[in-house]
């Protein structure tokens, strides 16, 4: 009986790291691809959309989790906005911004987004169902999804220049290259 309990504890503990970040780089080796979980979100106009509807005609999608109170989230989305049209022209990538602002502040998200003139699709995850389904611990948290709806890369936090790394990941993906470089021995 003790062995069974230890085994179950080990499996549960080990599986909790499925989407966890690398504590040094903030990146997770996504050599095993995972489909996006199926969750209902709201549009800025209050309509329901399921995450299975996130498509981009077989091209890459960037999904950024953010909140209005998160300074680094806003820096990341602003930095991407400055180059987003070029990224779209060169790679066809689509960015989806998922707000995790709570019920108290969700009414402020639409005017906030309109004031920023973001060209992104923005959805609301007020109850954090999508956030929890992806086992996210903090924002900003950014994912790259391939044309098959599989998560192939993720990154936590934002530092100046992170958007360049993100763009390079998208370019590697469309070129069919390895996303995560093999570690040297």
C-alpha atoms as a PDB file:
ATOM      1  CA  UNK A   1       0.000   0.000   0.000  1.00  0.00           C
ATOM      2  CA  UNK A   2       2.837   2.360   0.862  1.00  0.00           C
ATOM      3  CA  UNK A   3       4.418   1.757  -2.561  1.00  0.00           C
ATOM      4  CA  UNK A   4       1.142   2.613  -4.303  1.00  0.00           C
ATOM      5  CA  UNK A   5       0.802   5.874  -2.373  1.00  0.00           C
ATOM      6  CA  UNK A   6       4.406   6.822  -3.104  1.00  0.00           C
ATOM      7  CA  UNK A   7       3.935   5.978  -6.798  1.00  0.00           C
ATOM      8  CA  UNK A   8       0.742   8.046  -7.025  1.00  0.00           C
ATOM      9  CA  UNK A   9       2.425  10.976  -5.263  1.00  0.00           C
ATOM     10  CA  UNK A  10       5.397  10.757  -7.623  1.00  0.00           C
ATOM     11  CA  UNK A  11       3.155  10.711 -10.716  1.00  0.00           C
ATOM     12  CA  UNK A  12       1.074  13.652  -9.482  1.00  0.00           C
ATOM     13  CA  UNK A  13       4.122  15.669  -8.490  1.00  0.00           C
ATOM     14  CA  UNK A  14       5.918  14.905 -11.756  1.00  0.00           C
ATOM     15  CA  UNK A  15       2.916  15.755 -13.909  1.00  0.00           C
ATOM     16  CA  UNK A  16       2.610  19.166 -12.267  1.00  0.00           C
ATOM     17  CA  UNK A  17       5.710  20.169 -14.192  1.00  0.00           C
ATOM     18  CA  UNK A  18       4.150  19.464 -17.597  1.00  0.00           C
ATOM     19  CA  UNK A  19       3.951  23.134 -18.484  1.00  0.00           C
ATOM     20  CA  UNK A  20       6.283  24.496 -15.833  1.00  0.00           C
ATOM     21  CA  UNK A  21       9.026  26.877 -16.798  1.00  0.00           C
ATOM     22  CA  UNK A  22      12.742  26.362 -16.725  1.00  0.00           C
ATOM     23  CA  UNK A  23      13.749  28.332 -13.645  1.00  0.00           C
ATOM     24  CA  UNK A  24      16.845  29.777 -15.255  1.00  0.00           C
ATOM     25  CA  UNK A  25      15.718  30.819 -18.722  1.00  0.00           C
ATOM     26  CA  UNK A  26      11.961  31.112 -18.292  1.00  0.00           C
ATOM     27  CA  UNK A  27      11.547  28.725 -21.259  1.00  0.00           C
ATOM     28  CA  UNK A  28      10.283  25.183 -21.473  1.00  0.00           C
ATOM     29  CA  UNK A  29      11.602  22.634 -23.953  1.00  0.00           C
ATOM     30  CA  UNK A  30       8.502  21.851 -25.950  1.00  0.00           C
ATOM     31  CA  UNK A  31       9.983  18.956 -27.937  1.00  0.00           C
ATOM     32  CA  UNK A  32       6.747  17.141 -27.072  1.00  0.00           C
ATOM     33  CA  UNK A  33       3.885  19.099 -28.593  1.00  0.00           C
ATOM     34  CA  UNK A  34       0.596  19.631 -26.776  1.00  0.00           C
ATOM     35  CA  UNK A  35      -2.730  20.680 -28.246  1.00  0.00           C
ATOM     36  CA  UNK A  36      -4.371  23.793 -26.889  1.00  0.00           C
ATOM     37  CA  UNK A  37      -6.961  22.896 -24.269  1.00  0.00           C
ATOM     38  CA  UNK A  38     -10.605  23.437 -25.161  1.00  0.00           C
ATOM     39  CA  UNK A  39     -11.936  26.391 -23.150  1.00  0.00           C
ATOM     40  CA  UNK A  40     -14.644  28.996 -23.697  1.00  0.00           C
ATOM     41  CA  UNK A  41     -13.557  32.642 -23.597  1.00  0.00           C
ATOM     42  CA  UNK A  42     -15.365  35.923 -24.213  1.00  0.00           C
ATOM     43  CA  UNK A  43     -14.725  38.437 -26.961  1.00  0.00           C
ATOM     44  CA  UNK A  44     -14.524  42.118 -26.091  1.00  0.00           C
ATOM     45  CA  UNK A  45     -18.148  42.319 -27.277  1.00  0.00           C
ATOM     46  CA  UNK A  46     -19.267  39.610 -24.842  1.00  0.00           C
ATOM     47  CA  UNK A  47     -19.649  36.760 -27.342  1.00  0.00           C
ATOM     48  CA  UNK A  48     -18.405  33.291 -26.437  1.00  0.00           C
ATOM     49  CA  UNK A  49     -15.619  31.676 -28.448  1.00  0.00           C
ATOM     50  CA  UNK A  50     -13.985  28.308 -27.900  1.00  0.00           C
ATOM     51  CA  UNK A  51     -10.204  28.066 -28.091  1.00  0.00           C
ATOM     52  CA  UNK A  52     -10.592  25.311 -30.712  1.00  0.00           C
ATOM     53  CA  UNK A  53     -11.586  28.148 -33.059  1.00  0.00           C
ATOM     54  CA  UNK A  54      -8.140  29.711 -32.790  1.00  0.00           C
ATOM     55  CA  UNK A  55      -6.851  29.222 -36.320  1.00  0.00           C
ATOM     56  CA  UNK A  56      -4.622  31.030 -38.754  1.00  0.00           C
ATOM     57  CA  UNK A  57      -4.933  29.091 -42.020  1.00  0.00           C
ATOM     58  CA  UNK A  58      -2.171  26.676 -41.013  1.00  0.00           C
ATOM     59  CA  UNK A  59       0.224  29.425 -39.906  1.00  0.00           C
ATOM     60  CA  UNK A  60       1.670  30.193 -36.477  1.00  0.00           C
ATOM     61  CA  UNK A  61      -0.226  31.844 -33.659  1.00  0.00           C
ATOM     62  CA  UNK A  62       1.294  33.699 -30.728  1.00  0.00           C
ATOM     63  CA  UNK A  63      -0.836  33.679 -27.582  1.00  0.00           C
ATOM     64  CA  UNK A  64       0.042  36.250 -24.932  1.00  0.00           C
ATOM     65  CA  UNK A  65      -1.583  36.150 -21.510  1.00  0.00           C
ATOM     66  CA  UNK A  66      -1.692  39.612 -19.960  1.00  0.00           C
ATOM     67  CA  UNK A  67      -3.501  41.900 -17.517  1.00  0.00           C
ATOM     68  CA  UNK A  68      -3.931  45.671 -17.358  1.00  0.00           C
ATOM     69  CA  UNK A  69      -2.141  45.786 -13.985  1.00  0.00           C
ATOM     70  CA  UNK A  70       0.913  43.924 -15.363  1.00  0.00           C
ATOM     71  CA  UNK A  71       3.607  46.400 -16.438  1.00  0.00           C
ATOM     72  CA  UNK A  72       5.734  43.774 -18.201  1.00  0.00           C
ATOM     73  CA  UNK A  73       2.676  42.487 -20.081  1.00  0.00           C
ATOM     74  CA  UNK A  74       1.999  45.957 -21.440  1.00  0.00           C
ATOM     75  CA  UNK A  75       5.650  46.458 -22.356  1.00  0.00           C
ATOM     76  CA  UNK A  76       5.644  43.160 -24.264  1.00  0.00           C
ATOM     77  CA  UNK A  77       2.434  43.894 -26.154  1.00  0.00           C
ATOM     78  CA  UNK A  78       3.625  47.427 -26.968  1.00  0.00           C
ATOM     79  CA  UNK A  79       6.987  46.151 -28.250  1.00  0.00           C
ATOM     80  CA  UNK A  80       5.260  43.577 -30.440  1.00  0.00           C
ATOM     81  CA  UNK A  81       2.733  46.146 -31.717  1.00  0.00           C
ATOM     82  CA  UNK A  82       5.593  48.248 -33.053  1.00  0.00           C
ATOM     83  CA  UNK A  83       6.733  45.419 -35.356  1.00  0.00           C
ATOM     84  CA  UNK A  84       3.589  43.307 -35.681  1.00  0.00           C
ATOM     85  CA  UNK A  85       2.594  44.384 -39.193  1.00  0.00           C
ATOM     86  CA  UNK A  86       6.092  43.497 -40.447  1.00  0.00           C
ATOM     87  CA  UNK A  87       5.856  40.111 -38.697  1.00  0.00           C
ATOM     88  CA  UNK A  88       2.514  39.463 -40.353  1.00  0.00           C
ATOM     89  CA  UNK A  89       3.844  40.438 -43.786  1.00  0.00           C
ATOM     90  CA  UNK A  90       6.932  38.242 -43.427  1.00  0.00           C
ATOM     91  CA  UNK A  91       5.521  35.204 -41.604  1.00  0.00           C
ATOM     92  CA  UNK A  92       1.732  35.401 -41.564  1.00  0.00           C
ATOM     93  CA  UNK A  93       1.784  35.018 -37.762  1.00  0.00           C
ATOM     94  CA  UNK A  94      -1.287  36.002 -35.794  1.00  0.00           C
ATOM     95  CA  UNK A  95      -1.226  37.293 -32.215  1.00  0.00           C
ATOM     96  CA  UNK A  96      -4.008  36.571 -29.744  1.00  0.00           C
ATOM     97  CA  UNK A  97      -3.936  38.487 -26.463  1.00  0.00           C
ATOM     98  CA  UNK A  98      -5.757  36.840 -23.553  1.00  0.00           C
ATOM     99  CA  UNK A  99      -6.692  39.222 -20.742  1.00  0.00           C
ATOM    100  CA  UNK A 100      -6.915  37.657 -17.291  1.00  0.00           C
ATOM    101  CA  UNK A 101      -8.365  40.779 -15.719  1.00  0.00           C
ATOM    102  CA  UNK A 102     -11.000  39.870 -13.155  1.00  0.00           C
ATOM    103  CA  UNK A 103     -14.730  40.651 -13.081  1.00  0.00           C
ATOM    104  CA  UNK A 104     -14.091  43.945 -11.263  1.00  0.00           C
ATOM    105  CA  UNK A 105     -11.931  45.375 -14.037  1.00  0.00           C
ATOM    106  CA  UNK A 106     -13.075  43.488 -17.141  1.00  0.00           C
ATOM    107  CA  UNK A 107     -15.322  46.379 -18.244  1.00  0.00           C
ATOM    108  CA  UNK A 108     -12.203  48.528 -18.571  1.00  0.00           C
ATOM    109  CA  UNK A 109     -10.391  46.124 -20.913  1.00  0.00           C
ATOM    110  CA  UNK A 110     -12.220  47.044 -24.151  1.00  0.00           C
ATOM    111  CA  UNK A 111     -11.668  50.836 -23.826  1.00  0.00           C
ATOM    112  CA  UNK A 112      -8.085  50.153 -22.747  1.00  0.00           C
ATOM    113  CA  UNK A 113      -7.422  47.968 -25.824  1.00  0.00           C
ATOM    114  CA  UNK A 114      -9.140  50.463 -28.148  1.00  0.00           C
ATOM    115  CA  UNK A 115      -6.960  53.226 -26.705  1.00  0.00           C
ATOM    116  CA  UNK A 116      -3.842  51.193 -27.506  1.00  0.00           C
ATOM    117  CA  UNK A 117      -4.939  50.561 -31.126  1.00  0.00           C
ATOM    118  CA  UNK A 118      -3.742  46.974 -30.918  1.00  0.00           C
ATOM    119  CA  UNK A 119      -4.171  44.944 -34.094  1.00  0.00           C
ATOM    120  CA  UNK A 120      -4.481  41.767 -32.036  1.00  0.00           C
ATOM    121  CA  UNK A 121      -7.464  39.567 -31.393  1.00  0.00           C
ATOM    122  CA  UNK A 122      -8.181  40.110 -27.700  1.00  0.00           C
ATOM    123  CA  UNK A 123     -10.206  37.691 -25.590  1.00  0.00           C
ATOM    124  CA  UNK A 124     -11.222  37.674 -21.960  1.00  0.00           C
ATOM    125  CA  UNK A 125     -10.397  34.857 -19.542  1.00  0.00           C
ATOM    126  CA  UNK A 126     -12.086  36.475 -16.556  1.00  0.00           C
ATOM    127  CA  UNK A 127     -12.405  33.230 -14.564  1.00  0.00           C
ATOM    128  CA  UNK A 128      -8.887  32.166 -15.613  1.00  0.00           C
ATOM    129  CA  UNK A 129     -10.143  28.852 -17.017  1.00  0.00           C
ATOM    130  CA  UNK A 130      -7.734  28.929 -19.988  1.00  0.00           C
ATOM    131  CA  UNK A 131      -4.960  30.227 -17.732  1.00  0.00           C
ATOM    132  CA  UNK A 132      -5.415  27.287 -15.348  1.00  0.00           C
ATOM    133  CA  UNK A 133      -5.831  24.750 -18.166  1.00  0.00           C
ATOM    134  CA  UNK A 134      -2.356  25.734 -19.391  1.00  0.00           C
ATOM    135  CA  UNK A 135      -0.961  25.631 -15.853  1.00  0.00           C
ATOM    136  CA  UNK A 136       0.211  29.238 -15.984  1.00  0.00           C
ATOM    137  CA  UNK A 137       1.605  30.725 -12.789  1.00  0.00           C
ATOM    138  CA  UNK A 138       2.266  34.335 -13.788  1.00  0.00           C
ATOM    139  CA  UNK A 139       1.917  36.844 -16.585  1.00  0.00           C
ATOM    140  CA  UNK A 140       3.146  37.725 -19.054  1.00  0.00           C
ATOM    141  CA  UNK A 141       3.174  34.194 -20.380  1.00  0.00           C
ATOM    142  CA  UNK A 142       3.558  33.731 -24.110  1.00  0.00           C
ATOM    143  CA  UNK A 143       3.010  30.645 -26.249  1.00  0.00           C
ATOM    144  CA  UNK A 144       3.767  29.869 -29.876  1.00  0.00           C
ATOM    145  CA  UNK A 145       1.282  27.513 -31.494  1.00  0.00           C
ATOM    146  CA  UNK A 146       1.952  25.805 -34.818  1.00  0.00           C
ATOM    147  CA  UNK A 147      -0.538  25.486 -37.670  1.00  0.00           C
ATOM    148  CA  UNK A 148      -1.890  22.253 -36.167  1.00  0.00           C
ATOM    149  CA  UNK A 149      -2.915  23.965 -32.916  1.00  0.00           C
ATOM    150  CA  UNK A 150      -0.007  22.477 -30.968  1.00  0.00           C
ATOM    151  CA  UNK A 151       1.973  24.462 -28.420  1.00  0.00           C
ATOM    152  CA  UNK A 152       5.585  24.295 -29.544  1.00  0.00           C
ATOM    153  CA  UNK A 153       7.222  26.965 -27.359  1.00  0.00           C
ATOM    154  CA  UNK A 154       6.486  29.115 -24.352  1.00  0.00           C
ATOM    155  CA  UNK A 155       8.131  31.887 -22.410  1.00  0.00           C
ATOM    156  CA  UNK A 156       7.425  33.544 -19.074  1.00  0.00           C
ATOM    157  CA  UNK A 157       8.011  37.238 -18.256  1.00  0.00           C
ATOM    158  CA  UNK A 158       9.293  39.988 -20.526  1.00  0.00           C
ATOM    159  CA  UNK A 159      12.573  41.777 -20.833  1.00  0.00           C
ATOM    160  CA  UNK A 160      13.491  44.300 -23.475  1.00  0.00           C
ATOM    161  CA  UNK A 161      14.371  42.403 -26.643  1.00  0.00           C
ATOM    162  CA  UNK A 162      12.317  39.292 -25.816  1.00  0.00           C
ATOM    163  CA  UNK A 163      10.127  40.090 -28.805  1.00  0.00           C
ATOM    164  CA  UNK A 164      13.133  39.498 -31.086  1.00  0.00           C
ATOM    165  CA  UNK A 165      13.573  36.002 -29.680  1.00  0.00           C
ATOM    166  CA  UNK A 166       9.844  35.402 -30.131  1.00  0.00           C
ATOM    167  CA  UNK A 167      10.025  36.500 -33.764  1.00  0.00           C
ATOM    168  CA  UNK A 168      13.048  34.244 -34.359  1.00  0.00           C
ATOM    169  CA  UNK A 169      11.066  31.291 -32.966  1.00  0.00           C
ATOM    170  CA  UNK A 170       8.244  32.017 -35.431  1.00  0.00           C
ATOM    171  CA  UNK A 171      10.727  32.275 -38.321  1.00  0.00           C
ATOM    172  CA  UNK A 172      12.323  28.951 -37.327  1.00  0.00           C
ATOM    173  CA  UNK A 173       8.909  27.348 -37.167  1.00  0.00           C
ATOM    174  CA  UNK A 174       7.913  28.419 -40.668  1.00  0.00           C
ATOM    175  CA  UNK A 175      11.335  27.357 -41.974  1.00  0.00           C
ATOM    176  CA  UNK A 176      10.818  23.890 -40.461  1.00  0.00           C
ATOM    177  CA  UNK A 177      13.810  24.207 -38.132  1.00  0.00           C
ATOM    178  CA  UNK A 178      14.136  22.944 -34.560  1.00  0.00           C
ATOM    179  CA  UNK A 179      12.605  25.426 -32.163  1.00  0.00           C
ATOM    180  CA  UNK A 180      14.708  24.439 -29.163  1.00  0.00           C
ATOM    181  CA  UNK A 181      18.379  24.097 -29.919  1.00  0.00           C
ATOM    182  CA  UNK A 182      19.893  20.858 -28.649  1.00  0.00           C
ATOM    183  CA  UNK A 183      22.007  21.330 -25.544  1.00  0.00           C
ATOM    184  CA  UNK A 184      25.706  20.735 -25.959  1.00  0.00           C
ATOM    185  CA  UNK A 185      27.285  17.829 -24.096  1.00  0.00           C
END
